[in-house]
Amino acid sequence: MLITILEGRVSKENWQQLEKNYAIAILRHPPDGLIESYLIHNLDDIGMWKIISLWKDEETFLKYKSNGIIDTCVQLFCDAGSTPNRSSHHVQQKYTRV
């Protein structure tokens, strides 16, 4: 599994737009290899927003990246007046409460 974190600083007047556009984008076109995605708002740094996505594997992520599909989330931040940064992380271990 692969986790990607896209983060950007969004001004308060664009928060609702980011939330609305995220809901539309994720519900309309979720890529097949995307397992989970979260739009999160930092409580300690209120201007900071992140989209955390869990992908089936790195190959799936790279396939969508090469086709420009994942740029949708980058565009969400740009539309909200932000220039986001992305980091990628391999999942080494996992715990799930059942």
Protein backbone atom coordinates (compact mmCIF):
# COMPACT_ATOMS: atom_id res chain seq x y z
CA MET A 1 0.00 0.00 0.00
CA LEU A 2 0.99 3.59 -0.55
CA ILE A 3 -0.12 6.71 1.27
CA THR A 4 0.11 10.10 -0.39
CA ILE A 5 -0.27 13.36 1.48
CA LEU A 6 -1.07 16.49 -0.45
CA GLU A 7 -0.93 19.61 1.71
CA GLY A 8 -1.47 23.28 1.19
CA ARG A 9 -2.24 26.46 3.03
CA VAL A 10 -5.78 27.69 2.29
CA SER A 11 -7.20 31.04 3.36
CA LYS A 12 -10.42 30.97 5.37
CA GLU A 13 -12.56 32.45 2.58
CA ASN A 14 -11.70 29.39 0.39
CA TRP A 15 -12.38 26.62 2.94
CA GLN A 16 -15.96 25.96 1.83
CA GLN A 17 -14.93 25.89 -1.82
CA LEU A 18 -12.20 23.33 -1.08
CA GLU A 19 -14.61 21.12 0.89
CA LYS A 20 -17.31 21.33 -1.78
CA ASN A 21 -14.94 20.66 -4.67
CA TYR A 22 -13.32 17.73 -2.85
CA ALA A 23 -16.71 16.08 -2.27
CA ILE A 24 -17.64 16.51 -5.93
CA ALA A 25 -14.28 15.28 -7.27
CA ILE A 26 -13.99 12.21 -5.05
CA LEU A 27 -17.59 11.10 -5.53
CA ARG A 28 -17.57 11.71 -9.27
CA HIS A 29 -14.27 10.13 -10.32
CA PRO A 30 -12.65 7.94 -7.65
CA PRO A 31 -9.80 5.97 -9.26
CA ASP A 32 -10.13 2.18 -8.94
CA GLY A 33 -6.91 1.81 -6.96
CA LEU A 34 -7.86 4.45 -4.40
CA ILE A 35 -8.85 2.67 -1.18
CA GLU A 36 -9.52 5.68 1.06
CA SER A 37 -9.14 9.43 0.91
CA TYR A 38 -9.55 12.09 3.58
CA LEU A 39 -9.70 15.86 3.43
CA ILE A 40 -8.36 17.01 6.77
CA HIS A 41 -8.06 20.42 8.42
CA ASN A 42 -5.23 20.97 10.88
CA LEU A 43 -6.47 22.05 14.32
CA ASP A 44 -3.10 23.44 15.41
CA ASP A 45 -2.39 25.37 12.20
CA ILE A 46 -5.84 26.34 10.91
CA GLY A 47 -4.64 27.47 7.49
CA MET A 48 -3.20 24.03 6.70
CA TRP A 49 -5.29 21.47 4.83
CA LYS A 50 -4.32 17.98 3.61
CA ILE A 51 -5.70 15.28 1.39
CA ILE A 52 -4.48 11.92 2.64
CA SER A 53 -5.02 9.06 0.20
CA LEU A 54 -4.48 5.33 0.64
CA TRP A 55 -3.66 3.55 -2.61
CA LYS A 56 -3.73 -0.18 -3.38
CA ASP A 57 -0.05 -0.06 -4.38
CA GLU A 58 2.59 2.23 -5.82
CA GLU A 59 2.11 0.92 -9.37
CA THR A 60 -1.57 1.92 -9.33
CA PHE A 61 -0.71 5.39 -8.03
CA LEU A 62 1.98 5.84 -10.70
CA LYS A 63 -0.42 4.70 -13.42
CA TYR A 64 -2.95 7.36 -12.45
CA LYS A 65 -0.20 9.93 -11.97
CA SER A 66 1.15 9.36 -15.49
CA ASN A 67 -2.38 9.75 -16.89
CA GLY A 68 -2.90 13.02 -14.99
CA ILE A 69 -5.82 11.60 -12.96
CA ILE A 70 -4.34 12.43 -9.54
CA ASP A 71 -3.81 16.02 -10.60
CA THR A 72 -7.49 16.52 -9.77
CA CYS A 73 -6.59 16.90 -6.10
CA VAL A 74 -3.75 19.28 -6.93
CA GLN A 75 -6.28 21.34 -8.89
CA LEU A 76 -8.60 21.44 -5.86
CA PHE A 77 -5.90 23.23 -3.88
CA CYS A 78 -5.05 25.52 -6.79
CA ASP A 79 -8.72 26.47 -7.14
CA ALA A 80 -8.68 27.34 -3.44
CA GLY A 81 -5.72 29.67 -3.94
CA SER A 82 -3.00 27.30 -2.72
CA THR A 83 0.06 25.62 -4.22
CA PRO A 84 0.17 22.16 -2.61
CA ASN A 85 3.08 19.84 -1.88
CA ARG A 86 2.87 16.04 -2.13
CA SER A 87 4.74 13.39 -0.20
CA SER A 88 4.46 9.62 -0.68
CA HIS A 89 4.93 6.90 1.92
CA HIS A 90 5.09 3.10 1.71
CA VAL A 91 2.95 1.38 4.34
CA GLN A 92 5.29 -0.96 6.21
CA GLN A 93 2.81 -2.24 8.77
CA LYS A 94 -0.88 -1.77 9.43
CA TYR A 95 -3.30 -2.17 12.32
CA THR A 96 -7.07 -2.21 11.91
CA ARG A 97 -9.47 -2.60 14.81
CA VAL A 98 -12.30 -4.98 13.96
